[in-house]
Amino acid sequence: MPDDYLISGERVALRHLTRADRGAYTRKARENAGLHQPWLFPPRTEAAFEAYLERLDEPSREGFAICLADTGELAGYVTVNNIVRGAFQCGAIGYGAFLSGRGLVTEGVGLLLRYAFGPAMGLHRLEINVQPGNTASIALAERLGFRLEGVSPDFLFIDGAWRDHERWAITAEMTRSAD
């Protein structure tokens, strides 16, 4: 396992996103814009990527690259946002694919669950908020054992409008019972 991988699976590994990812990330975000929209708008320019990295430096966020374990190629990304400590120990995750249709992001988000619920982050609960029409993202949540907890009307401002989102969640205990 390369030194910068935090956790590795069969096909993918996680590491923190860095400035060195700027070129590959923005190129792949531009190439895959049709795959992401209207759900996601990952940074497609160098300036937008720099602003994204600055936000990931905040203590309430962490950003990860999902890489092919054998080559290091960027396959996608996953972030943990709105991390709240204390009695809550919760965060909200977001993710996107650059190499789609192979289950690589599902594997990467699964690795993120192990990492986030382990000693490195020590979280207890993670949420995914997804627009009801985003069937691929809902399928990922279901495959990984998240439970649907409800719908949040007008939850996030995306692409010029407030959008409803389904709230999916998983706890550390749920992942341990699945092992």
C-alpha atoms as a PDB file:
ATOM      1  CA  MET A   1       0.000   0.000   0.000  1.00  0.00           C
ATOM      2  CA  PRO A   2       1.537   3.367  -0.990  1.00  0.00           C
ATOM      3  CA  ASP A   3       2.413   5.655   1.899  1.00  0.00           C
ATOM      4  CA  ASP A   4      -0.335   8.174   1.136  1.00  0.00           C
ATOM      5  CA  TYR A   5      -3.189   5.613   1.081  1.00  0.00           C
ATOM      6  CA  LEU A   6      -5.222   5.779   4.280  1.00  0.00           C
ATOM      7  CA  ILE A   7      -7.148   2.583   3.603  1.00  0.00           C
ATOM      8  CA  SER A   8      -7.164   0.150   0.705  1.00  0.00           C
ATOM      9  CA  GLY A   9      -9.706  -2.303  -0.714  1.00  0.00           C
ATOM     10  CA  GLU A  10      -9.729  -4.840  -3.519  1.00  0.00           C
ATOM     11  CA  ARG A  11      -9.737  -2.303  -6.353  1.00  0.00           C
ATOM     12  CA  VAL A  12      -9.595   1.160  -4.832  1.00  0.00           C
ATOM     13  CA  ALA A  13      -7.875   3.046  -2.047  1.00  0.00           C
ATOM     14  CA  LEU A  14      -8.528   6.325  -0.252  1.00  0.00           C
ATOM     15  CA  ARG A  15      -6.121   9.147   0.350  1.00  0.00           C
ATOM     16  CA  HIS A  16      -6.585  12.809   1.128  1.00  0.00           C
ATOM     17  CA  LEU A  17      -7.157  15.148  -1.824  1.00  0.00           C
ATOM     18  CA  THR A  18      -4.175  17.447  -2.377  1.00  0.00           C
ATOM     19  CA  ARG A  19      -3.124  20.288  -4.654  1.00  0.00           C
ATOM     20  CA  ALA A  20      -1.288  17.705  -6.762  1.00  0.00           C
ATOM     21  CA  ASP A  21      -4.745  16.369  -7.767  1.00  0.00           C
ATOM     22  CA  ARG A  22      -5.808  19.705  -9.285  1.00  0.00           C
ATOM     23  CA  GLY A  23      -5.068  18.887 -12.937  1.00  0.00           C
ATOM     24  CA  ALA A  24      -6.477  15.356 -13.007  1.00  0.00           C
ATOM     25  CA  TYR A  25      -9.484  16.272 -10.859  1.00  0.00           C
ATOM     26  CA  THR A  26     -10.558  19.317 -12.884  1.00  0.00           C
ATOM     27  CA  ARG A  27      -9.982  17.518 -16.205  1.00  0.00           C
ATOM     28  CA  LYS A  28     -12.076  14.545 -15.072  1.00  0.00           C
ATOM     29  CA  ALA A  29     -14.763  16.852 -13.659  1.00  0.00           C
ATOM     30  CA  ARG A  30     -15.045  18.570 -17.050  1.00  0.00           C
ATOM     31  CA  GLU A  31     -15.064  15.241 -18.939  1.00  0.00           C
ATOM     32  CA  ASN A  32     -17.761  13.822 -16.660  1.00  0.00           C
ATOM     33  CA  ALA A  33     -20.005  16.879 -16.334  1.00  0.00           C
ATOM     34  CA  GLY A  34     -22.871  15.004 -17.998  1.00  0.00           C
ATOM     35  CA  LEU A  35     -22.613  12.218 -15.442  1.00  0.00           C
ATOM     36  CA  HIS A  36     -22.741  14.626 -12.482  1.00  0.00           C
ATOM     37  CA  GLN A  37     -25.343  17.154 -13.546  1.00  0.00           C
ATOM     38  CA  PRO A  38     -27.930  18.080 -12.451  1.00  0.00           C
ATOM     39  CA  TRP A  39     -26.948  16.526  -9.096  1.00  0.00           C
ATOM     40  CA  LEU A  40     -23.359  17.665  -8.579  1.00  0.00           C
ATOM     41  CA  PHE A  41     -21.095  20.452  -9.736  1.00  0.00           C
ATOM     42  CA  PRO A  42     -17.549  19.448  -8.792  1.00  0.00           C
ATOM     43  CA  PRO A  43     -14.811  22.044  -9.406  1.00  0.00           C
ATOM     44  CA  ARG A  44     -13.883  22.171 -13.103  1.00  0.00           C
ATOM     45  CA  THR A  45     -11.335  24.991 -13.035  1.00  0.00           C
ATOM     46  CA  GLU A  46      -8.077  25.415 -11.160  1.00  0.00           C
ATOM     47  CA  ALA A  47      -9.468  28.390  -9.223  1.00  0.00           C
ATOM     48  CA  ALA A  48     -12.594  26.464  -8.229  1.00  0.00           C
ATOM     49  CA  PHE A  49     -10.454  23.505  -7.130  1.00  0.00           C
ATOM     50  CA  GLU A  50      -8.271  25.802  -4.979  1.00  0.00           C
ATOM     51  CA  ALA A  51     -11.396  27.229  -3.304  1.00  0.00           C
ATOM     52  CA  TYR A  52     -12.654  23.659  -2.766  1.00  0.00           C
ATOM     53  CA  LEU A  53      -9.357  22.666  -1.104  1.00  0.00           C
ATOM     54  CA  GLU A  54      -9.559  25.720   1.150  1.00  0.00           C
ATOM     55  CA  ARG A  55     -13.025  24.635   2.310  1.00  0.00           C
ATOM     56  CA  LEU A  56     -11.684  21.123   2.942  1.00  0.00           C
ATOM     57  CA  ASP A  57      -9.093  22.639   5.297  1.00  0.00           C
ATOM     58  CA  GLU A  58     -11.890  23.637   7.676  1.00  0.00           C
ATOM     59  CA  PRO A  59     -12.057  21.399  10.776  1.00  0.00           C
ATOM     60  CA  SER A  60     -15.631  20.393   9.910  1.00  0.00           C
ATOM     61  CA  ARG A  61     -14.633  18.812   6.564  1.00  0.00           C
ATOM     62  CA  GLU A  62     -12.355  16.168   5.091  1.00  0.00           C
ATOM     63  CA  GLY A  63     -11.866  15.371   1.417  1.00  0.00           C
ATOM     64  CA  PHE A  64     -10.642  12.125  -0.086  1.00  0.00           C
ATOM     65  CA  ALA A  65      -9.567  10.864  -3.483  1.00  0.00           C
ATOM     66  CA  ILE A  66     -10.862   7.455  -4.512  1.00  0.00           C
ATOM     67  CA  CYS A  67      -7.958   5.978  -6.481  1.00  0.00           C
ATOM     68  CA  LEU A  68      -7.442   2.777  -8.396  1.00  0.00           C
ATOM     69  CA  ALA A  69      -5.305   0.842  -5.917  1.00  0.00           C
ATOM     70  CA  ASP A  70      -2.907  -0.517  -8.538  1.00  0.00           C
ATOM     71  CA  THR A  71      -2.293   2.608 -10.651  1.00  0.00           C
ATOM     72  CA  GLY A  72      -3.324   5.520  -8.411  1.00  0.00           C
ATOM     73  CA  GLU A  73      -5.637   6.902 -11.125  1.00  0.00           C
ATOM     74  CA  LEU A  74      -8.379   9.134  -9.741  1.00  0.00           C
ATOM     75  CA  ALA A  75     -11.637   7.151  -9.918  1.00  0.00           C
ATOM     76  CA  GLY A  76     -13.779   9.531  -7.876  1.00  0.00           C
ATOM     77  CA  TYR A  77     -13.963  11.504  -4.678  1.00  0.00           C
ATOM     78  CA  VAL A  78     -15.767  11.486  -1.353  1.00  0.00           C
ATOM     79  CA  THR A  79     -16.043  14.220   1.242  1.00  0.00           C
ATOM     80  CA  VAL A  80     -17.235  14.316   4.820  1.00  0.00           C
ATOM     81  CA  ASN A  81     -18.880  17.669   5.485  1.00  0.00           C
ATOM     82  CA  ASN A  82     -20.559  19.293   8.470  1.00  0.00           C
ATOM     83  CA  ILE A  83     -18.624  17.171  10.950  1.00  0.00           C
ATOM     84  CA  VAL A  84     -20.019  17.771  14.416  1.00  0.00           C
ATOM     85  CA  ARG A  85     -18.142  16.454  17.442  1.00  0.00           C
ATOM     86  CA  GLY A  86     -19.206  16.145  21.066  1.00  0.00           C
ATOM     87  CA  ALA A  87     -22.269  14.010  21.707  1.00  0.00           C
ATOM     88  CA  PHE A  88     -23.205  13.993  17.996  1.00  0.00           C
ATOM     89  CA  GLN A  89     -20.076  12.576  16.235  1.00  0.00           C
ATOM     90  CA  CYS A  90     -21.771  12.885  12.843  1.00  0.00           C
ATOM     91  CA  GLY A  91     -20.997  14.041   9.325  1.00  0.00           C
ATOM     92  CA  ALA A  92     -22.637  14.260   5.909  1.00  0.00           C
ATOM     93  CA  ILE A  93     -20.942  12.659   2.947  1.00  0.00           C
ATOM     94  CA  GLY A  94     -20.896  13.614  -0.690  1.00  0.00           C
ATOM     95  CA  TYR A  95     -19.284  11.699  -3.531  1.00  0.00           C
ATOM     96  CA  GLY A  96     -18.867  11.555  -7.263  1.00  0.00           C
ATOM     97  CA  ALA A  97     -17.491   9.192  -9.885  1.00  0.00           C
ATOM     98  CA  PHE A  98     -14.893   9.821 -12.561  1.00  0.00           C
ATOM     99  CA  LEU A  99     -14.852   6.187 -13.695  1.00  0.00           C
ATOM    100  CA  SER A 100     -18.478   5.096 -13.578  1.00  0.00           C
ATOM    101  CA  GLY A 101     -20.384   1.869 -13.928  1.00  0.00           C
ATOM    102  CA  ARG A 102     -17.813  -0.360 -12.246  1.00  0.00           C
ATOM    103  CA  GLY A 103     -18.777  -0.045  -8.564  1.00  0.00           C
ATOM    104  CA  LEU A 104     -15.538   1.777  -7.779  1.00  0.00           C
ATOM    105  CA  VAL A 105     -17.224   4.648  -5.940  1.00  0.00           C
ATOM    106  CA  THR A 106     -19.387   2.194  -3.982  1.00  0.00           C
ATOM    107  CA  GLU A 107     -16.197   0.437  -2.899  1.00  0.00           C
ATOM    108  CA  GLY A 108     -14.556   3.786  -2.112  1.00  0.00           C
ATOM    109  CA  VAL A 109     -17.478   5.031  -0.017  1.00  0.00           C
ATOM    110  CA  GLY A 110     -17.461   1.662   1.769  1.00  0.00           C
ATOM    111  CA  LEU A 111     -13.798   2.260   2.620  1.00  0.00           C
ATOM    112  CA  LEU A 112     -14.701   5.737   3.808  1.00  0.00           C
ATOM    113  CA  LEU A 113     -17.240   4.215   6.217  1.00  0.00           C
ATOM    114  CA  ARG A 114     -14.547   1.988   7.721  1.00  0.00           C
ATOM    115  CA  TYR A 115     -12.135   4.931   7.961  1.00  0.00           C
ATOM    116  CA  ALA A 116     -14.684   7.404   9.374  1.00  0.00           C
ATOM    117  CA  PHE A 117     -16.072   4.952  11.932  1.00  0.00           C
ATOM    118  CA  GLY A 118     -12.574   3.834  12.949  1.00  0.00           C
ATOM    119  CA  PRO A 119     -10.079   5.541  15.239  1.00  0.00           C
ATOM    120  CA  ALA A 120      -8.869   7.994  12.547  1.00  0.00           C
ATOM    121  CA  MET A 121     -12.112  10.001  12.588  1.00  0.00           C
ATOM    122  CA  GLY A 122     -14.114   8.381  15.385  1.00  0.00           C
ATOM    123  CA  LEU A 123     -17.518   9.233  13.946  1.00  0.00           C
ATOM    124  CA  HIS A 124     -20.721   7.481  15.010  1.00  0.00           C
ATOM    125  CA  ARG A 125     -23.140   8.453  12.218  1.00  0.00           C
ATOM    126  CA  LEU A 126     -22.925   9.464   8.568  1.00  0.00           C
ATOM    127  CA  GLU A 127     -25.671  10.845   6.365  1.00  0.00           C
ATOM    128  CA  ILE A 128     -26.159  11.047   2.620  1.00  0.00           C
ATOM    129  CA  ASN A 129     -28.597  13.670   1.377  1.00  0.00           C
ATOM    130  CA  VAL A 130     -29.685  12.868  -2.160  1.00  0.00           C
ATOM    131  CA  GLN A 131     -32.250  14.278  -4.550  1.00  0.00           C
ATOM    132  CA  PRO A 132     -35.090  11.765  -5.058  1.00  0.00           C
ATOM    133  CA  GLY A 133     -34.441  11.501  -8.811  1.00  0.00           C
ATOM    134  CA  ASN A 134     -30.778  10.552  -8.384  1.00  0.00           C
ATOM    135  CA  THR A 135     -31.327   6.804  -8.651  1.00  0.00           C
ATOM    136  CA  ALA A 136     -27.620   5.945  -8.928  1.00  0.00           C
ATOM    137  CA  SER A 137     -26.822   7.673  -5.633  1.00  0.00           C
ATOM    138  CA  ILE A 138     -29.827   6.110  -3.915  1.00  0.00           C
ATOM    139  CA  ALA A 139     -28.714   2.670  -5.146  1.00  0.00           C
ATOM    140  CA  LEU A 140     -25.234   3.280  -3.683  1.00  0.00           C
ATOM    141  CA  ALA A 141     -26.749   4.193  -0.301  1.00  0.00           C
ATOM    142  CA  GLU A 142     -28.891   1.043  -0.352  1.00  0.00           C
ATOM    143  CA  ARG A 143     -25.968  -1.212  -1.354  1.00  0.00           C
ATOM    144  CA  LEU A 144     -23.911   0.078   1.571  1.00  0.00           C
ATOM    145  CA  GLY A 145     -26.683  -0.447   4.133  1.00  0.00           C
ATOM    146  CA  PHE A 146     -27.836   3.132   4.713  1.00  0.00           C
ATOM    147  CA  ARG A 147     -31.442   3.468   5.893  1.00  0.00           C
ATOM    148  CA  LEU A 148     -33.902   6.000   4.508  1.00  0.00           C
ATOM    149  CA  GLU A 149     -34.939   8.306   7.335  1.00  0.00           C
ATOM    150  CA  GLY A 150     -37.120  10.790   5.510  1.00  0.00           C
ATOM    151  CA  VAL A 151     -37.358  13.636   3.047  1.00  0.00           C
ATOM    152  CA  SER A 152     -36.109  17.157   3.725  1.00  0.00           C
ATOM    153  CA  PRO A 153     -38.074  19.635   1.585  1.00  0.00           C
ATOM    154  CA  ASP A 154     -36.114  22.518   0.038  1.00  0.00           C
ATOM    155  CA  PHE A 155     -32.926  21.188   1.669  1.00  0.00           C
ATOM    156  CA  LEU A 156     -30.076  22.394  -0.587  1.00  0.00           C
ATOM    157  CA  PHE A 157     -29.733  25.180  -3.131  1.00  0.00           C
ATOM    158  CA  ILE A 158     -28.500  23.409  -6.274  1.00  0.00           C
ATOM    159  CA  ASP A 159     -28.504  24.611  -9.871  1.00  0.00           C
ATOM    160  CA  GLY A 160     -30.555  27.731  -9.124  1.00  0.00           C
ATOM    161  CA  ALA A 161     -33.285  26.264  -6.900  1.00  0.00           C
ATOM    162  CA  TRP A 162     -33.944  24.782  -3.478  1.00  0.00           C
ATOM    163  CA  ARG A 163     -34.125  21.008  -3.935  1.00  0.00           C
ATOM    164  CA  ASP A 164     -35.818  18.323  -1.851  1.00  0.00           C
ATOM    165  CA  HIS A 165     -33.483  15.593  -0.598  1.00  0.00           C
ATOM    166  CA  GLU A 166     -33.937  12.142   0.828  1.00  0.00           C
ATOM    167  CA  ARG A 167     -31.955  11.694   4.052  1.00  0.00           C
ATOM    168  CA  TRP A 168     -30.135   8.357   4.284  1.00  0.00           C
ATOM    169  CA  ALA A 169     -28.066   7.457   7.344  1.00  0.00           C
ATOM    170  CA  ILE A 170     -25.835   4.752   8.751  1.00  0.00           C
ATOM    171  CA  THR A 171     -24.210   4.333  12.150  1.00  0.00           C
ATOM    172  CA  ALA A 172     -21.034   2.590  13.196  1.00  0.00           C
ATOM    173  CA  GLU A 173     -23.124  -0.120  14.869  1.00  0.00           C
ATOM    174  CA  MET A 174     -24.991  -0.805  11.625  1.00  0.00           C
ATOM    175  CA  THR A 175     -21.729  -1.451   9.783  1.00  0.00           C
ATOM    176  CA  ARG A 176     -20.430  -3.741  12.538  1.00  0.00           C
ATOM    177  CA  SER A 177     -23.635  -5.802  12.500  1.00  0.00           C
ATOM    178  CA  ALA A 178     -23.198  -6.252   8.729  1.00  0.00           C
ATOM    179  CA  ASP A 179     -19.723  -7.811   9.146  1.00  0.00           C
END
